[in-house]
N, C-alpha and C. Protein backbone atom coordinates (compact mmCIF):
# COMPACT_ATOMS: atom_id res chain seq x y z
N MET A 1 -19.69 -22.63 26.48
CA MET A 1 -19.12 -22.08 25.20
C MET A 1 -18.68 -22.96 24.28
N ASN A 2 -18.37 -22.76 23.03
CA ASN A 2 -18.02 -23.86 21.90
C ASN A 2 -16.64 -23.03 21.43
N SER A 3 -15.70 -24.30 20.69
CA SER A 3 -14.63 -23.73 20.55
C SER A 3 -14.11 -22.40 19.71
N GLN A 4 -15.46 -22.12 18.69
CA GLN A 4 -15.03 -20.73 18.34
C GLN A 4 -15.45 -19.43 19.05
N GLU A 5 -16.29 -19.83 19.88
CA GLU A 5 -16.59 -18.43 20.96
C GLU A 5 -15.15 -18.32 21.77
N LEU A 6 -14.40 -19.56 22.34
CA LEU A 6 -13.52 -19.58 23.26
C LEU A 6 -12.74 -18.58 22.57
N GLU A 7 -12.11 -19.24 21.31
CA GLU A 7 -11.01 -18.95 20.44
C GLU A 7 -11.16 -17.14 20.06
N GLY A 8 -12.39 -16.97 19.89
CA GLY A 8 -12.63 -15.28 19.59
C GLY A 8 -12.45 -14.42 21.10
N LYS A 9 -12.94 -15.31 21.75
CA LYS A 9 -12.70 -14.34 23.56
C LYS A 9 -11.30 -14.76 23.84
N TRP A 10 -10.41 -15.47 23.49
CA TRP A 10 -9.29 -15.62 23.81
C TRP A 10 -8.41 -14.59 22.96
N ASN A 11 -8.69 -14.40 21.65
CA ASN A 11 -8.10 -13.12 20.96
C ASN A 11 -8.20 -11.93 21.48
N GLN A 12 -9.43 -11.51 21.98
CA GLN A 12 -9.84 -10.30 22.92
C GLN A 12 -8.61 -10.28 24.15
N VAL A 13 -8.69 -11.06 24.70
CA VAL A 13 -7.97 -11.22 26.25
C VAL A 13 -6.78 -11.27 25.79
N LYS A 14 -5.92 -11.51 25.02
CA LYS A 14 -4.88 -11.62 24.80
C LYS A 14 -4.24 -10.17 24.05
N GLY A 15 -5.11 -9.61 23.85
CA GLY A 15 -4.96 -8.08 22.78
C GLY A 15 -4.87 -7.32 23.96
N ASN A 16 -5.84 -7.65 24.94
CA ASN A 16 -6.07 -6.56 26.26
C ASN A 16 -4.87 -6.95 27.15
N PHE A 17 -4.40 -8.26 27.56
CA PHE A 17 -3.34 -8.36 28.26
C PHE A 17 -1.92 -7.86 27.69
N LYS A 18 -1.72 -8.05 26.31
CA LYS A 18 -0.46 -7.53 25.91
C LYS A 18 -0.50 -5.84 25.70
N GLN A 19 -1.64 -4.98 25.68
CA GLN A 19 -1.84 -3.85 25.92
C GLN A 19 -1.66 -3.30 27.17
N LYS A 20 -2.19 -4.14 28.45
CA LYS A 20 -2.26 -3.31 29.97
C LYS A 20 -0.72 -3.79 30.38
N TYR A 21 -0.20 -5.33 29.73
CA TYR A 21 1.43 -5.26 30.21
C TYR A 21 1.83 -5.52 29.29
N GLY A 22 2.57 -4.37 29.07
CA GLY A 22 3.47 -4.11 27.91
C GLY A 22 4.94 -5.26 27.54
N SER A 23 5.04 -5.64 28.60
CA SER A 23 6.23 -6.62 28.47
C SER A 23 6.01 -8.22 28.09
N LEU A 24 4.86 -8.30 27.98
CA LEU A 24 4.34 -9.65 27.35
C LEU A 24 4.51 -10.05 25.93
N THR A 25 4.69 -11.12 25.46
CA THR A 25 4.84 -11.39 24.06
C THR A 25 3.96 -12.12 23.50
N ASP A 26 4.20 -12.27 22.23
CA ASP A 26 3.17 -13.21 21.79
C ASP A 26 3.54 -15.02 22.09
N ASP A 27 4.79 -15.04 22.70
CA ASP A 27 5.22 -16.79 22.92
C ASP A 27 4.63 -16.67 24.25
N ASP A 28 4.36 -15.47 25.45
CA ASP A 28 3.80 -15.50 26.52
C ASP A 28 2.34 -15.48 26.23
N VAL A 29 1.69 -15.26 25.60
CA VAL A 29 0.38 -15.35 25.58
C VAL A 29 -0.24 -16.37 24.54
N THR A 30 0.42 -17.24 23.94
CA THR A 30 0.10 -18.44 23.13
C THR A 30 -0.46 -19.23 23.72
N TYR A 31 -1.89 -19.74 23.06
CA TYR A 31 -2.69 -20.51 24.01
C TYR A 31 -2.88 -21.33 22.95
N SER A 32 -2.97 -22.85 23.27
CA SER A 32 -3.22 -23.91 22.99
C SER A 32 -3.92 -24.89 23.45
N GLU A 33 -4.62 -25.88 23.16
CA GLU A 33 -5.65 -26.55 24.27
C GLU A 33 -4.94 -27.24 25.07
N GLY A 34 -5.12 -27.34 26.14
CA GLY A 34 -4.62 -28.21 27.53
C GLY A 34 -3.52 -27.42 28.04
N LYS A 35 -3.19 -26.28 27.31
CA LYS A 35 -2.04 -25.38 27.70
C LYS A 35 -2.73 -24.12 28.59
N PHE A 36 -3.94 -23.79 29.04
CA PHE A 36 -4.08 -23.09 29.59
C PHE A 36 -3.42 -22.30 30.90
N ASP A 37 -3.50 -24.02 32.02
CA ASP A 37 -2.49 -23.07 33.09
C ASP A 37 -1.21 -22.88 32.75
N GLU A 38 -0.36 -23.43 32.40
CA GLU A 38 0.79 -22.95 31.72
C GLU A 38 0.78 -21.73 31.40
N MET A 39 0.27 -21.26 30.79
CA MET A 39 -0.01 -19.73 30.13
C MET A 39 -0.44 -18.69 31.24
N LEU A 40 -1.34 -19.42 32.20
CA LEU A 40 -1.56 -18.58 33.66
C LEU A 40 -0.59 -18.42 34.31
N GLY A 41 0.57 -19.56 34.53
CA GLY A 41 1.65 -19.69 34.88
C GLY A 41 2.41 -18.67 34.41
N LYS A 42 2.89 -18.27 33.20
CA LYS A 42 3.74 -17.24 32.35
C LYS A 42 3.05 -16.15 32.89
N LEU A 43 1.85 -15.65 32.71
CA LEU A 43 1.27 -14.33 33.00
C LEU A 43 1.70 -14.35 34.30
N GLN A 44 1.05 -15.36 35.35
CA GLN A 44 1.68 -15.11 36.59
C GLN A 44 2.79 -14.25 36.85
N GLU A 45 4.18 -15.20 36.38
CA GLU A 45 5.40 -14.61 36.52
C GLU A 45 5.46 -13.05 35.90
N LYS A 46 4.48 -12.87 34.97
CA LYS A 46 4.71 -11.30 34.11
C LYS A 46 3.99 -10.70 34.88
N THR A 47 2.81 -10.68 35.48
CA THR A 47 1.86 -9.61 36.14
C THR A 47 2.55 -9.70 37.33
N GLY A 48 2.91 -10.67 38.31
CA GLY A 48 2.77 -10.84 39.69
C GLY A 48 1.40 -11.15 40.24
N LYS A 49 0.42 -11.58 39.71
CA LYS A 49 -0.88 -11.65 39.91
C LYS A 49 -0.84 -12.97 40.49
N LYS A 50 -1.94 -13.43 41.25
CA LYS A 50 -2.38 -14.89 41.49
C LYS A 50 -3.31 -15.41 40.19
N LYS A 51 -3.25 -16.64 40.43
CA LYS A 51 -3.74 -17.25 38.85
C LYS A 51 -5.18 -16.88 39.25
N GLU A 52 -5.84 -17.00 40.52
CA GLU A 52 -7.35 -17.04 40.61
C GLU A 52 -7.59 -15.50 40.04
N GLU A 53 -6.68 -13.98 40.37
CA GLU A 53 -6.94 -13.17 40.09
C GLU A 53 -7.18 -12.59 38.79
N LEU A 54 -5.93 -13.72 37.48
CA LEU A 54 -5.85 -13.64 36.13
C LEU A 54 -7.03 -14.38 35.50
N LYS A 55 -7.67 -15.26 36.07
CA LYS A 55 -8.75 -16.27 35.21
C LYS A 55 -10.13 -15.16 35.80
N LYS A 56 -10.37 -14.31 36.82
CA LYS A 56 -11.32 -13.59 36.83
C LYS A 56 -10.77 -12.07 36.06
N GLU A 57 -9.96 -11.96 35.74
CA GLU A 57 -9.85 -10.76 34.91
C GLU A 57 -9.74 -11.03 33.35
N ILE A 58 -9.77 -12.47 33.17
CA ILE A 58 -10.09 -13.00 31.76
C ILE A 58 -11.31 -13.15 31.44
N GLU A 59 -12.11 -13.84 32.54
CA GLU A 59 -13.51 -13.85 32.56
C GLU A 59 -13.92 -12.82 32.58
N SER A 60 -13.65 -11.12 32.93
CA SER A 60 -14.45 -10.16 33.01
C SER A 60 -14.35 -9.63 31.41
N MET A 61 -13.66 -9.85 30.71
CA MET A 61 -12.97 -9.07 29.50
C MET A 61 -13.91 -9.80 28.46
């Protein structure tokens, strides 16, 4: 997946997560290169899900 595809996919995922988990803010789902694990940690705190679960959810979107 190239960077354009990744960015497009991430925008979709971000919107889906914000809809699904209303307590997420833009700051919680802001993605920058090299910060994916940190972002997963924030999502994990807000959703109570394991990182593996979140990764699978992101991949399935």
